[in-house]
Protein backbone atom coordinates (compact mmCIF):
# COMPACT_ATOMS: atom_id res chain seq x y z
CA MET A 1 -0.21 -0.36 0.20
CA THR A 2 1.08 3.49 -0.79
CA ARG A 3 0.51 6.78 1.82
CA HIS A 4 0.65 9.27 -0.89
CA ILE A 5 -1.38 9.16 -3.33
CA THR A 6 -0.46 11.14 -6.76
CA PHE A 7 -2.40 13.49 -8.57
CA GLU A 8 -1.50 16.39 -11.14
CA ARG A 9 -3.24 19.00 -8.84
CA LEU A 10 -3.91 17.65 -5.86
CA HIS A 11 -0.08 18.09 -3.54
CA ASN A 12 -1.64 16.43 -0.20
CA PHE A 13 -3.82 13.18 -0.77
CA ARG A 14 -2.54 10.07 2.11
CA ASP A 15 -4.11 7.49 3.09
CA LEU A 16 -3.89 6.80 7.23
CA GLY A 17 -4.28 3.35 6.40
CA GLY A 18 -1.42 1.25 8.63
CA TYR A 19 -1.25 3.09 11.85
CA ARG A 20 -0.57 1.16 14.91
CA SER A 21 -3.45 1.57 18.05
CA SER A 22 -2.53 0.97 21.76
CA ASP A 23 -3.99 -2.41 21.11
CA GLY A 24 -1.94 -3.77 18.74
CA GLN A 25 -4.95 -3.13 16.26
CA THR A 26 -4.13 -1.50 12.38
CA VAL A 27 -5.90 1.63 10.94
CA ARG A 28 -7.16 -0.14 7.32
CA TRP A 29 -5.55 1.01 4.41
CA GLY A 30 -8.17 2.53 2.04
CA ARG A 31 -10.89 3.92 4.59
CA LEU A 32 -9.64 6.99 5.20
CA PHE A 33 -8.24 9.27 2.84
CA ARG A 34 -7.31 13.28 3.82
CA SER A 35 -6.74 16.30 0.88
CA ASP A 36 -5.54 19.50 0.32
CA SER A 37 -8.44 21.33 -1.68
CA LEU A 38 -10.95 18.80 -3.99
CA GLY A 39 -12.15 21.38 -6.14
CA LYS A 40 -8.23 21.40 -7.71
CA LEU A 41 -10.02 17.65 -9.75
CA ARG A 42 -10.15 17.40 -13.36
CA GLY A 43 -10.15 14.84 -15.90
CA GLU A 44 -7.45 12.57 -15.45
CA ASP A 45 -7.32 12.95 -11.58
CA PHE A 46 -10.85 13.10 -11.15
CA ARG A 47 -10.89 9.63 -12.82
CA ARG A 48 -8.06 8.17 -10.55
CA PHE A 49 -10.18 9.63 -7.67
CA LEU A 50 -13.20 7.53 -8.06
CA ALA A 51 -11.53 4.72 -8.45
CA LEU A 52 -10.55 4.69 -5.07
CA ASP A 53 -14.45 4.54 -4.22
CA VAL A 54 -14.75 7.21 -2.15
CA ALA A 55 -17.98 6.82 -0.66
CA THR A 56 -18.12 10.51 1.61
CA VAL A 57 -16.77 14.15 1.41
CA ILE A 58 -16.08 16.33 3.81
CA ASP A 59 -15.36 19.73 3.21
CA LEU A 60 -14.37 21.57 5.90
CA ARG A 61 -13.75 24.97 4.19
CA TYR A 62 -15.92 27.87 4.76
CA PRO A 63 -18.59 28.24 2.64
CA TRP A 64 -17.42 31.53 0.63
CA GLU A 65 -13.67 29.61 0.35
CA ILE A 66 -16.06 26.85 -1.85
CA GLU A 67 -17.36 29.31 -3.86
CA ALA A 68 -14.41 31.26 -5.07
CA ARG A 69 -12.58 27.63 -5.71
CA GLY A 70 -15.23 25.07 -6.41
CA ARG A 71 -15.62 21.55 -4.50
CA VAL A 72 -15.46 18.27 -5.49
CA PRO A 73 -17.34 17.45 -9.28
CA GLU A 74 -20.50 16.42 -8.33
CA HIS A 75 -20.67 11.95 -8.78
CA PRO A 76 -24.04 9.60 -8.26
CA SER A 77 -20.99 7.61 -6.37
CA LEU A 78 -20.07 10.57 -4.01
CA THR A 79 -22.37 12.34 -0.72
CA TYR A 80 -21.25 15.73 -0.39
CA ARG A 81 -20.92 17.53 3.41
CA ASN A 82 -19.44 20.82 4.21
CA LEU A 83 -18.63 21.19 7.68
CA SER A 84 -16.66 24.38 8.42
CA ILE A 85 -15.04 23.94 11.61
CA GLU A 86 -12.99 26.83 11.24
CA HIS A 87 -15.18 30.02 12.75
CA ARG A 88 -12.43 32.83 12.99
CA PRO A 89 -10.22 33.59 9.78
CA TYR A 90 -7.12 34.03 9.62
CA ASP A 91 -4.32 35.08 6.94
CA GLN A 92 -1.24 33.00 7.01
CA ALA A 93 0.36 34.62 3.75
CA ALA A 94 0.32 37.93 5.46
CA LEU A 95 2.28 37.32 8.86
CA GLY A 96 5.61 38.30 9.12
CA PRO A 97 9.33 36.20 9.79
CA GLU A 98 8.80 36.79 13.69
CA VAL A 99 5.51 34.61 14.09
CA ALA A 100 6.91 31.46 15.38
CA ALA A 101 4.43 28.83 13.41
CA GLY A 102 4.28 26.28 15.97
CA ARG A 103 2.79 28.61 19.02
CA TYR A 104 1.16 30.67 16.86
CA LEU A 105 -0.33 27.76 14.76
CA ALA A 106 -1.66 25.68 17.76
CA ASP A 107 -2.94 28.79 19.42
CA ARG A 108 -5.36 28.54 16.11
CA TYR A 109 -6.15 24.57 16.32
CA LEU A 110 -7.16 25.39 19.92
CA GLU A 111 -9.79 28.15 18.75
CA VAL A 112 -10.54 26.45 16.22
CA ALA A 113 -11.53 22.52 18.37
CA HIS A 114 -13.38 24.96 20.92
CA ASP A 115 -15.35 27.06 18.20
CA GLY A 116 -15.72 24.25 15.77
CA VAL A 117 -17.65 21.61 18.37
CA ARG A 118 -20.82 21.48 16.16
CA GLU A 119 -19.11 20.90 13.05
CA LEU A 120 -15.91 17.81 14.10
CA GLY A 121 -18.86 16.28 16.09
CA ARG A 122 -20.97 16.09 13.58
CA ALA A 123 -17.63 15.30 10.86
CA LEU A 124 -16.48 12.65 13.52
CA ALA A 125 -19.92 11.06 13.56
CA VAL A 126 -20.28 11.02 9.27
CA ILE A 127 -17.06 8.90 9.71
CA ALA A 128 -18.31 6.19 12.49
CA ALA A 129 -21.41 5.95 10.38
CA GLU A 130 -20.37 5.83 6.48
CA ASP A 131 -20.04 2.13 5.67
CA GLY A 132 -17.69 3.21 2.66
CA PRO A 133 -14.38 5.21 2.01
CA VAL A 134 -14.23 8.81 3.67
CA VAL A 135 -11.98 11.87 2.38
CA PHE A 136 -12.20 14.89 4.51
CA HIS A 137 -9.85 18.04 3.36
CA CYS A 138 -9.78 21.65 3.45
CA ALA A 139 -7.20 23.61 1.31
CA SER A 140 -3.66 22.70 1.67
CA GLY A 141 -5.27 19.40 3.96
CA LYS A 142 -2.74 20.91 6.57
CA ASP A 143 -4.24 22.84 9.44
CA ARG A 144 -8.12 22.00 9.72
CA THR A 145 -7.62 18.65 8.19
CA GLY A 146 -4.94 17.84 10.25
CA LEU A 147 -6.71 19.01 13.31
CA LEU A 148 -9.68 16.51 12.51
CA ALA A 149 -7.08 13.81 11.45
CA ALA A 150 -5.32 14.12 15.15
CA LEU A 151 -8.56 13.55 16.74
CA VAL A 152 -9.54 10.00 14.84
CA LEU A 153 -6.02 8.94 15.22
CA SER A 154 -6.24 10.15 18.83
CA LEU A 155 -9.74 8.30 19.34
CA LEU A 156 -8.51 5.01 17.10
CA GLY A 157 -5.64 4.47 19.71
CA VAL A 158 -3.05 5.59 17.34
CA ASP A 159 0.35 6.67 19.67
CA GLU A 160 0.98 10.47 19.86
CA ALA A 161 4.31 10.36 17.94
CA ASP A 162 2.49 8.82 14.90
CA ILE A 163 -0.01 11.28 15.07
CA VAL A 164 2.87 14.43 14.56
CA GLU A 165 4.81 12.53 12.11
CA ASP A 166 1.52 12.08 9.78
CA PHE A 167 0.99 16.20 10.47
CA THR A 168 5.06 17.09 9.50
CA LEU A 169 4.23 14.49 6.00
CA THR A 170 2.67 17.66 4.35
CA GLU A 171 5.83 18.77 4.50
CA ARG A 172 6.02 16.88 1.45
CA ALA A 173 3.73 18.75 -0.11
CA THR A 174 5.21 22.77 0.82
CA GLY A 175 6.94 23.40 -2.50
CA ARG A 176 3.64 23.00 -4.36
CA LEU A 177 1.23 24.37 -2.04
CA VAL A 178 3.38 27.33 -2.25
CA ALA A 179 3.86 27.77 -5.95
CA ASP A 180 -0.60 27.00 -5.77
CA TRP A 181 -0.27 29.99 -3.42
CA ARG A 182 1.62 32.27 -5.71
CA ALA A 183 -0.49 31.59 -9.14
CA ASP A 184 -3.59 32.21 -7.21
CA HIS A 185 -2.08 35.72 -6.32
CA PRO A 186 -0.25 37.34 -8.74
CA GLY A 187 1.04 40.20 -7.55
CA ARG A 188 0.87 40.03 -3.99
CA GLU A 189 3.64 39.33 -1.82
CA LEU A 190 4.20 35.57 0.19
CA THR A 191 5.56 37.16 3.68
CA TRP A 192 5.77 34.46 6.19
CA PRO A 193 8.66 31.97 5.67
CA ASP A 194 7.04 28.93 7.53
CA TYR A 195 3.65 29.03 4.81
CA GLY A 196 2.33 25.88 3.88
CA ARG A 197 5.39 24.48 6.49
CA ALA A 198 4.18 21.63 9.32
CA PRO A 199 6.75 21.70 11.81
CA ALA A 200 6.07 18.49 14.72
CA GLU A 201 5.90 21.50 17.00
CA VAL A 202 2.78 22.92 16.43
CA MET A 203 0.89 19.25 16.71
CA ARG A 204 2.64 18.58 19.85
CA LEU A 205 1.52 21.90 21.58
CA PHE A 206 -1.60 21.48 20.04
CA LEU A 207 -2.32 18.41 21.76
CA ALA A 208 -0.74 19.11 24.93
CA ASP A 209 -2.60 22.58 25.13
CA LEU A 210 -6.06 20.33 24.22
CA THR A 211 -4.69 17.57 27.05
CA GLU A 212 -4.18 20.19 29.77
CA ARG A 213 -7.49 21.68 29.23
CA HIS A 214 -9.74 18.58 29.19
CA GLY A 215 -7.66 15.57 30.77
CA SER A 216 -7.13 14.00 27.72
CA VAL A 217 -8.37 13.94 23.75
CA ARG A 218 -10.96 11.63 24.49
CA ARG A 219 -12.18 13.81 27.60
CA TYR A 220 -12.68 16.21 24.97
CA ALA A 221 -14.31 14.22 22.63
CA ALA A 222 -16.51 12.86 24.71
CA ASP A 223 -17.14 16.48 26.95
CA LEU A 224 -17.28 18.58 24.11
CA LEU A 225 -18.15 17.13 20.10
CA GLY A 226 -20.76 14.16 21.63
CA ALA A 227 -18.07 11.44 20.78
CA ASP A 228 -18.49 9.29 23.15
CA ASP A 229 -18.02 5.41 23.86
CA ALA A 230 -20.60 4.32 20.87
CA VAL A 231 -19.58 6.85 18.43
CA VAL A 232 -15.66 5.30 19.54
CA ALA A 233 -16.55 2.08 19.00
CA ALA A 234 -18.58 2.83 16.06
CA LEU A 235 -15.27 4.26 14.60
CA ARG A 236 -13.29 1.86 15.61
CA ARG A 237 -15.20 -0.83 14.41
CA ARG A 238 -14.70 0.73 10.75
CA LEU A 239 -11.68 1.96 10.91
CA LEU A 240 -9.44 -0.87 12.64
CA GLU A 241 -8.62 -4.01 12.13
CA PRO A 242 -6.22 -6.90 13.69
CA ALA A 243 -2.83 -6.50 13.01
CA GLU A 244 -1.17 -9.61 11.78
CA HIS A 245 2.53 -9.14 13.39
CA PRO A 246 4.21 -6.89 15.40
CA ALA A 247 5.47 -4.26 13.86
CA GLU A 248 6.07 -0.58 13.78
CA PRO A 249 4.30 2.07 12.28
CA ALA A 250 4.22 3.85 9.16
CA ARG A 251 7.75 6.20 8.49
CA PRO A 252 7.97 9.05 6.80
CA ALA A 253 8.42 9.05 2.93
CA ASP A 254 11.61 9.52 1.37
CA PRO A 255 13.12 12.88 0.06
CA ALA A 256 12.02 11.99 -3.21
CA GLY A 257 9.41 15.50 -2.84
CA PRO A 258 6.11 15.43 -3.26
CA THR A 259 6.51 14.98 -7.46
CA GLY A 260 8.49 11.99 -6.44
CA PRO A 261 7.36 8.17 -6.08
CA ALA A 262 5.64 7.62 -2.33
CA SER A 263 8.12 4.99 -0.67
CA THR A 264 6.61 5.70 2.80
CA ARG A 265 8.23 3.10 4.45
CA LEU A 266 5.21 0.71 5.61
CA PRO A 267 4.42 -1.50 9.51
CA GLY A 268 7.24 -4.51 9.41
CA GLN A 269 8.99 -3.57 5.97
CA THR A 270 12.82 -3.29 5.85
CA PRO A 271 14.79 -0.31 5.17
CA GLY A 272 15.29 0.57 1.81
CA ALA A 273 13.02 -2.52 0.27
CA PRO A 274 10.50 -1.65 -2.50
CA THR A 275 7.43 -0.43 -1.12
CA PRO A 276 4.50 -2.32 -2.80
CA THR A 277 1.69 -0.47 -4.52
CA PRO A 278 -2.09 -1.45 -5.33
């Protein structure tokens, strides 16, 4: 299996499968995906997307972003849900170089985690109830998408180190995300050096803040999002499978970059061995 799935216009489409939970089970491949904006899907890219048999798309962007940039193309096989989890817009591109990404973005994530409780709770319920594969996305597939991915993986019992590592994999796409921004904003200067980046510190700080405030991610999800034991049990039934043998969680891909072949080392794979593809 391959974690990074290659598209022409999507730069940050990833399978969340392969991570191990604390009880030795493994997140199923091909069931839950995270991405940058699916409004960019066209032609062969859309045909490749449909081949994944996705049943539900959860779009985490503002309605005005969707109006400006488009949404996933309509198709009889797709259920589309817009759950805008962020309620206080901010412009990362306009930040100055003195703004440290770690503390700044962790604070924004904490705002979203408390402003968007209704939408986040609904997103978890949809993922838990859907029989077919689900993909959730925002604009770059980093911030809002990274927050929801962290919540889901936490509720599945995935180790925090692997949740942080999954967040940092956006770094493979940073160059192309920056290029997209510049193409979409001719004549405007990108002033924040950390635009499109995903430093590990961001997710570490966010998870620590959430735990400090609520006791644990599980407690936060239960108390504020309505993700009670029944929802968590449904998530685990749908997304986990028993591990065949003890193995390490998936690790970062090779340094080829987002345009190179996806070669993330999978659980149990010998370093340097070729990565199998579907």
